[in-house]
């Protein structure tokens, strides 16, 4: 099912991915199948599967964006707390 955005300014999506991500996943799977058939290594298909999982979008936020925001909030950016009476 192809859904084009209502306001014509948001990015077009196909199922849970943007169309750019679908292209990257397709090319990655093609290269992964060739690598698996010729050399027998699974690393390219694992990398493609991880990218496909991290590129899933819910309400214009991907899983990778959520992980970045969480790391920035909990680890990278210092939190400042003030205690007053």
C-alpha atoms as a PDB file:
ATOM      1  CA  UNK A   1       0.000   0.000   0.000  1.00  0.00           C
ATOM      2  CA  UNK A   2       1.472   3.337  -1.069  1.00  0.00           C
ATOM      3  CA  UNK A   3       0.449   6.301   1.061  1.00  0.00           C
ATOM      4  CA  UNK A   4       1.300   9.818  -0.038  1.00  0.00           C
ATOM      5  CA  UNK A   5       1.262  12.440   2.708  1.00  0.00           C
ATOM      6  CA  UNK A   6      -1.832  14.577   3.127  1.00  0.00           C
ATOM      7  CA  UNK A   7      -0.138  17.956   3.072  1.00  0.00           C
ATOM      8  CA  UNK A   8       2.228  17.087   0.162  1.00  0.00           C
ATOM      9  CA  UNK A   9       5.219  18.349   2.161  1.00  0.00           C
ATOM     10  CA  UNK A  10       5.950  15.314   4.322  1.00  0.00           C
ATOM     11  CA  UNK A  11       8.009  12.446   2.943  1.00  0.00           C
ATOM     12  CA  UNK A  12       6.273   9.608   1.107  1.00  0.00           C
ATOM     13  CA  UNK A  13       6.170   6.300   2.972  1.00  0.00           C
ATOM     14  CA  UNK A  14       5.666   2.672   2.052  1.00  0.00           C
ATOM     15  CA  UNK A  15       4.475   0.554   4.988  1.00  0.00           C
ATOM     16  CA  UNK A  16       6.796   1.548   7.866  1.00  0.00           C
ATOM     17  CA  UNK A  17       9.700   2.999   5.872  1.00  0.00           C
ATOM     18  CA  UNK A  18      10.376   6.058   3.756  1.00  0.00           C
ATOM     19  CA  UNK A  19      10.907   5.350   0.075  1.00  0.00           C
ATOM     20  CA  UNK A  20      14.617   6.200   0.399  1.00  0.00           C
ATOM     21  CA  UNK A  21      14.963   3.517   3.072  1.00  0.00           C
ATOM     22  CA  UNK A  22      13.129   0.968   0.914  1.00  0.00           C
ATOM     23  CA  UNK A  23      15.683   1.574  -1.854  1.00  0.00           C
ATOM     24  CA  UNK A  24      18.641   1.228   0.515  1.00  0.00           C
ATOM     25  CA  UNK A  25      17.200  -1.959   2.023  1.00  0.00           C
ATOM     26  CA  UNK A  26      16.537  -3.410  -1.443  1.00  0.00           C
ATOM     27  CA  UNK A  27      20.068  -2.737  -2.691  1.00  0.00           C
ATOM     28  CA  UNK A  28      21.479  -4.023   0.605  1.00  0.00           C
ATOM     29  CA  UNK A  29      19.483  -7.243   0.320  1.00  0.00           C
ATOM     30  CA  UNK A  30      20.622  -7.728  -3.262  1.00  0.00           C
ATOM     31  CA  UNK A  31      24.278  -7.302  -2.308  1.00  0.00           C
ATOM     32  CA  UNK A  32      23.745  -9.508   0.760  1.00  0.00           C
ATOM     33  CA  UNK A  33      22.272 -12.363  -1.283  1.00  0.00           C
ATOM     34  CA  UNK A  34      25.174 -12.196  -3.737  1.00  0.00           C
ATOM     35  CA  UNK A  35      27.698 -12.160  -0.890  1.00  0.00           C
ATOM     36  CA  UNK A  36      25.961 -15.067   0.833  1.00  0.00           C
ATOM     37  CA  UNK A  37      25.837 -17.165  -2.324  1.00  0.00           C
ATOM     38  CA  UNK A  38      29.447 -16.484  -3.359  1.00  0.00           C
ATOM     39  CA  UNK A  39      31.328 -16.375  -0.060  1.00  0.00           C
ATOM     40  CA  UNK A  40      28.915 -17.782   2.507  1.00  0.00           C
ATOM     41  CA  UNK A  41      29.302 -14.906   4.960  1.00  0.00           C
ATOM     42  CA  UNK A  42      26.248 -13.554   6.772  1.00  0.00           C
ATOM     43  CA  UNK A  43      27.626 -10.163   7.834  1.00  0.00           C
ATOM     44  CA  UNK A  44      26.053  -8.096   4.983  1.00  0.00           C
ATOM     45  CA  UNK A  45      22.584  -9.565   5.538  1.00  0.00           C
ATOM     46  CA  UNK A  46      22.829  -8.912   9.279  1.00  0.00           C
ATOM     47  CA  UNK A  47      23.843  -5.286   8.638  1.00  0.00           C
ATOM     48  CA  UNK A  48      20.933  -4.885   6.215  1.00  0.00           C
ATOM     49  CA  UNK A  49      18.480  -6.383   8.719  1.00  0.00           C
ATOM     50  CA  UNK A  50      19.726  -4.079  11.499  1.00  0.00           C
ATOM     51  CA  UNK A  51      19.383  -1.058   9.210  1.00  0.00           C
ATOM     52  CA  UNK A  52      15.870  -2.145   8.221  1.00  0.00           C
ATOM     53  CA  UNK A  53      14.903  -2.416  11.898  1.00  0.00           C
ATOM     54  CA  UNK A  54      16.427   0.934  12.847  1.00  0.00           C
ATOM     55  CA  UNK A  55      14.810   2.713   9.873  1.00  0.00           C
ATOM     56  CA  UNK A  56      11.235   1.798  10.889  1.00  0.00           C
ATOM     57  CA  UNK A  57       9.262   5.031  11.321  1.00  0.00           C
ATOM     58  CA  UNK A  58       6.323   5.733  13.622  1.00  0.00           C
ATOM     59  CA  UNK A  59       4.823   9.216  13.373  1.00  0.00           C
ATOM     60  CA  UNK A  60       7.895  10.751  11.655  1.00  0.00           C
ATOM     61  CA  UNK A  61      10.343   9.349  14.220  1.00  0.00           C
ATOM     62  CA  UNK A  62      12.504   6.347  13.443  1.00  0.00           C
ATOM     63  CA  UNK A  63      13.790   3.898  16.004  1.00  0.00           C
ATOM     64  CA  UNK A  64      17.316   5.215  15.401  1.00  0.00           C
ATOM     65  CA  UNK A  65      16.135   8.783  16.117  1.00  0.00           C
ATOM     66  CA  UNK A  66      14.522   7.591  19.353  1.00  0.00           C
ATOM     67  CA  UNK A  67      17.759   5.870  20.426  1.00  0.00           C
ATOM     68  CA  UNK A  68      19.728   9.051  19.633  1.00  0.00           C
ATOM     69  CA  UNK A  69      17.314  11.200  21.653  1.00  0.00           C
ATOM     70  CA  UNK A  70      17.454   8.787  24.594  1.00  0.00           C
ATOM     71  CA  UNK A  71      21.279   8.686  24.587  1.00  0.00           C
ATOM     72  CA  UNK A  72      21.452  12.466  24.381  1.00  0.00           C
ATOM     73  CA  UNK A  73      19.024  12.857  27.278  1.00  0.00           C
ATOM     74  CA  UNK A  74      20.416  10.194  29.603  1.00  0.00           C
ATOM     75  CA  UNK A  75      24.138  10.148  28.743  1.00  0.00           C
ATOM     76  CA  UNK A  76      25.498  12.950  26.567  1.00  0.00           C
ATOM     77  CA  UNK A  77      23.797  16.132  27.750  1.00  0.00           C
ATOM     78  CA  UNK A  78      24.252  17.012  31.403  1.00  0.00           C
ATOM     79  CA  UNK A  79      21.088  17.486  33.411  1.00  0.00           C
ATOM     80  CA  UNK A  80      20.912  20.325  35.890  1.00  0.00           C
ATOM     81  CA  UNK A  81      18.697  20.033  38.931  1.00  0.00           C
ATOM     82  CA  UNK A  82      17.977  22.844  41.396  1.00  0.00           C
ATOM     83  CA  UNK A  83      16.608  22.123  44.817  1.00  0.00           C
ATOM     84  CA  UNK A  84      14.966  25.052  46.573  1.00  0.00           C
ATOM     85  CA  UNK A  85      12.971  25.380  49.739  1.00  0.00           C
END
